[in-house]
Amino acid sequence: MDIFQLKTNKAASIQTVEMDLLVQHASSVEIPQGTVTWLAQGLAIKENWWLLKEWIG
């Protein structure tokens, strides 16, 4: 999802917006292979932890 489509579409999760920005940035610079995957996994863990904390209350 393009972050500029958020006004017309259902709101994206924080992870979706962050991933979109990471992919855009990664395509414009040289980074070590696997870095984007590592960052994406970290974001997923962070978001899941936040959701779990909200659910537990």
N, C-alpha and C. Protein backbone atom coordinates (compact mmCIF):
# COMPACT_ATOMS: atom_id res chain seq x y z
N MET A 1 0.84 -1.17 0.00
CA MET A 1 0.00 0.00 0.00
C MET A 1 0.89 1.24 0.00
N ASP A 2 0.60 2.15 -0.89
CA ASP A 2 1.31 3.42 -0.95
C ASP A 2 0.82 4.30 0.19
N ILE A 3 1.74 4.91 0.93
CA ILE A 3 1.35 5.71 2.09
C ILE A 3 0.49 6.90 1.69
N PHE A 4 0.52 7.30 0.44
CA PHE A 4 -0.28 8.43 0.00
C PHE A 4 -1.71 8.03 -0.34
N GLN A 5 -2.02 6.74 -0.32
CA GLN A 5 -3.37 6.26 -0.57
C GLN A 5 -4.17 6.12 0.72
N LEU A 6 -3.60 6.46 1.84
CA LEU A 6 -4.27 6.25 3.12
C LEU A 6 -5.55 7.06 3.25
N LYS A 7 -5.64 8.20 2.58
CA LYS A 7 -6.84 9.02 2.68
C LYS A 7 -8.03 8.35 2.00
N THR A 8 -7.78 7.58 0.97
CA THR A 8 -8.88 6.97 0.23
C THR A 8 -9.15 5.53 0.64
N ASN A 9 -8.19 4.87 1.22
CA ASN A 9 -8.34 3.47 1.61
C ASN A 9 -8.47 3.34 3.12
N LYS A 10 -8.81 2.16 3.55
CA LYS A 10 -8.83 1.85 4.97
C LYS A 10 -7.43 2.10 5.54
N ALA A 11 -7.36 2.61 6.74
CA ALA A 11 -6.07 2.95 7.35
C ALA A 11 -5.17 1.72 7.43
N ALA A 12 -3.92 1.93 7.08
CA ALA A 12 -2.93 0.85 7.15
C ALA A 12 -2.37 0.77 8.56
N SER A 13 -1.82 -0.37 8.88
CA SER A 13 -1.17 -0.52 10.19
C SER A 13 0.14 0.27 10.18
N ILE A 14 0.65 0.53 11.36
CA ILE A 14 1.93 1.21 11.49
C ILE A 14 3.01 0.42 10.75
N GLN A 15 2.96 -0.89 10.89
CA GLN A 15 3.95 -1.75 10.24
C GLN A 15 3.90 -1.59 8.73
N THR A 16 2.70 -1.51 8.15
CA THR A 16 2.57 -1.38 6.70
C THR A 16 3.21 -0.09 6.21
N VAL A 17 2.94 1.00 6.90
CA VAL A 17 3.50 2.29 6.51
C VAL A 17 5.02 2.28 6.66
N GLU A 18 5.53 1.74 7.78
CA GLU A 18 6.97 1.68 7.98
C GLU A 18 7.64 0.80 6.94
N MET A 19 7.02 -0.31 6.60
CA MET A 19 7.60 -1.21 5.59
C MET A 19 7.63 -0.52 4.23
N ASP A 20 6.58 0.22 3.89
CA ASP A 20 6.54 0.93 2.61
C ASP A 20 7.70 1.92 2.53
N LEU A 21 7.93 2.65 3.61
CA LEU A 21 9.04 3.60 3.64
C LEU A 21 10.39 2.90 3.56
N LEU A 22 10.53 1.76 4.24
CA LEU A 22 11.79 1.00 4.19
C LEU A 22 12.08 0.52 2.77
N VAL A 23 11.08 0.00 2.10
CA VAL A 23 11.28 -0.52 0.74
C VAL A 23 11.65 0.61 -0.21
N GLN A 24 10.96 1.75 -0.08
CA GLN A 24 11.30 2.90 -0.93
C GLN A 24 12.73 3.34 -0.70
N HIS A 25 13.15 3.40 0.55
CA HIS A 25 14.52 3.83 0.87
C HIS A 25 15.54 2.79 0.41
N ALA A 26 15.23 1.52 0.63
CA ALA A 26 16.17 0.45 0.28
C ALA A 26 16.43 0.40 -1.21
N SER A 27 15.45 0.76 -2.02
CA SER A 27 15.64 0.70 -3.46
C SER A 27 16.52 1.84 -3.98
N SER A 28 16.72 2.87 -3.15
CA SER A 28 17.50 4.01 -3.62
C SER A 28 18.94 4.04 -3.10
N VAL A 29 19.28 3.14 -2.19
CA VAL A 29 20.64 3.11 -1.63
C VAL A 29 21.14 1.68 -1.57
N GLU A 30 22.45 1.52 -1.47
CA GLU A 30 23.02 0.18 -1.31
C GLU A 30 23.06 -0.15 0.17
N ILE A 31 22.48 -1.29 0.53
CA ILE A 31 22.51 -1.75 1.91
C ILE A 31 22.88 -3.23 1.91
N PRO A 32 23.45 -3.72 2.99
CA PRO A 32 23.79 -5.15 3.04
C PRO A 32 22.55 -6.02 2.84
N GLN A 33 22.73 -7.11 2.11
CA GLN A 33 21.62 -8.02 1.85
C GLN A 33 21.06 -8.55 3.16
N GLY A 34 19.74 -8.56 3.28
CA GLY A 34 19.08 -9.07 4.48
C GLY A 34 18.74 -8.00 5.50
N THR A 35 19.25 -6.77 5.31
CA THR A 35 18.99 -5.71 6.29
C THR A 35 17.52 -5.36 6.35
N VAL A 36 16.87 -5.22 5.20
CA VAL A 36 15.44 -4.87 5.19
C VAL A 36 14.63 -5.99 5.83
N THR A 37 14.99 -7.24 5.56
CA THR A 37 14.29 -8.37 6.18
C THR A 37 14.45 -8.33 7.69
N TRP A 38 15.65 -8.05 8.16
CA TRP A 38 15.91 -7.98 9.59
C TRP A 38 15.10 -6.86 10.23
N LEU A 39 15.05 -5.69 9.58
CA LEU A 39 14.27 -4.57 10.10
C LEU A 39 12.78 -4.90 10.10
N ALA A 40 12.31 -5.56 9.05
CA ALA A 40 10.89 -5.92 8.97
C ALA A 40 10.51 -6.87 10.08
N GLN A 41 11.36 -7.83 10.37
CA GLN A 41 11.08 -8.76 11.46
C GLN A 41 11.04 -8.03 12.80
N GLY A 42 11.94 -7.08 12.99
CA GLY A 42 11.95 -6.29 14.22
C GLY A 42 10.69 -5.47 14.36
N LEU A 43 10.22 -4.88 13.27
CA LEU A 43 8.98 -4.10 13.32
C LEU A 43 7.79 -4.99 13.62
N ALA A 44 7.75 -6.18 13.04
CA ALA A 44 6.65 -7.11 13.29
C ALA A 44 6.61 -7.51 14.76
N ILE A 45 7.78 -7.79 15.33
CA ILE A 45 7.85 -8.17 16.75
C ILE A 45 7.38 -7.00 17.61
N LYS A 46 7.84 -5.79 17.28
CA LYS A 46 7.46 -4.60 18.04
C LYS A 46 5.95 -4.38 17.99
N GLU A 47 5.35 -4.49 16.79
CA GLU A 47 3.91 -4.28 16.65
C GLU A 47 3.13 -5.37 17.38
N ASN A 48 3.56 -6.62 17.26
CA ASN A 48 2.87 -7.72 17.94
C ASN A 48 2.95 -7.56 19.45
N TRP A 49 4.09 -7.11 19.97
CA TRP A 49 4.23 -6.89 21.41
C TRP A 49 3.28 -5.80 21.87
N TRP A 50 3.17 -4.72 21.08
CA TRP A 50 2.26 -3.62 21.43
C TRP A 50 0.82 -4.12 21.44
N LEU A 51 0.43 -4.90 20.44
CA LEU A 51 -0.94 -5.44 20.37
C LEU A 51 -1.22 -6.36 21.55
N LEU A 52 -0.25 -7.18 21.93
CA LEU A 52 -0.41 -8.08 23.06
C LEU A 52 -0.60 -7.29 24.35
N LYS A 53 0.20 -6.24 24.54
CA LYS A 53 0.06 -5.41 25.74
C LYS A 53 -1.32 -4.76 25.79
N GLU A 54 -1.84 -4.29 24.64
CA GLU A 54 -3.17 -3.68 24.59
C GLU A 54 -4.25 -4.71 24.91
N TRP A 55 -4.08 -5.92 24.40
CA TRP A 55 -5.08 -6.98 24.61
C TRP A 55 -5.12 -7.41 26.07
N ILE A 56 -3.94 -7.52 26.70
CA ILE A 56 -3.87 -7.93 28.10
C ILE A 56 -4.42 -6.83 29.00
N GLY A 57 -4.18 -5.60 28.60
CA GLY A 57 -4.74 -4.48 29.35
C GLY A 57 -3.82 -4.02 30.38
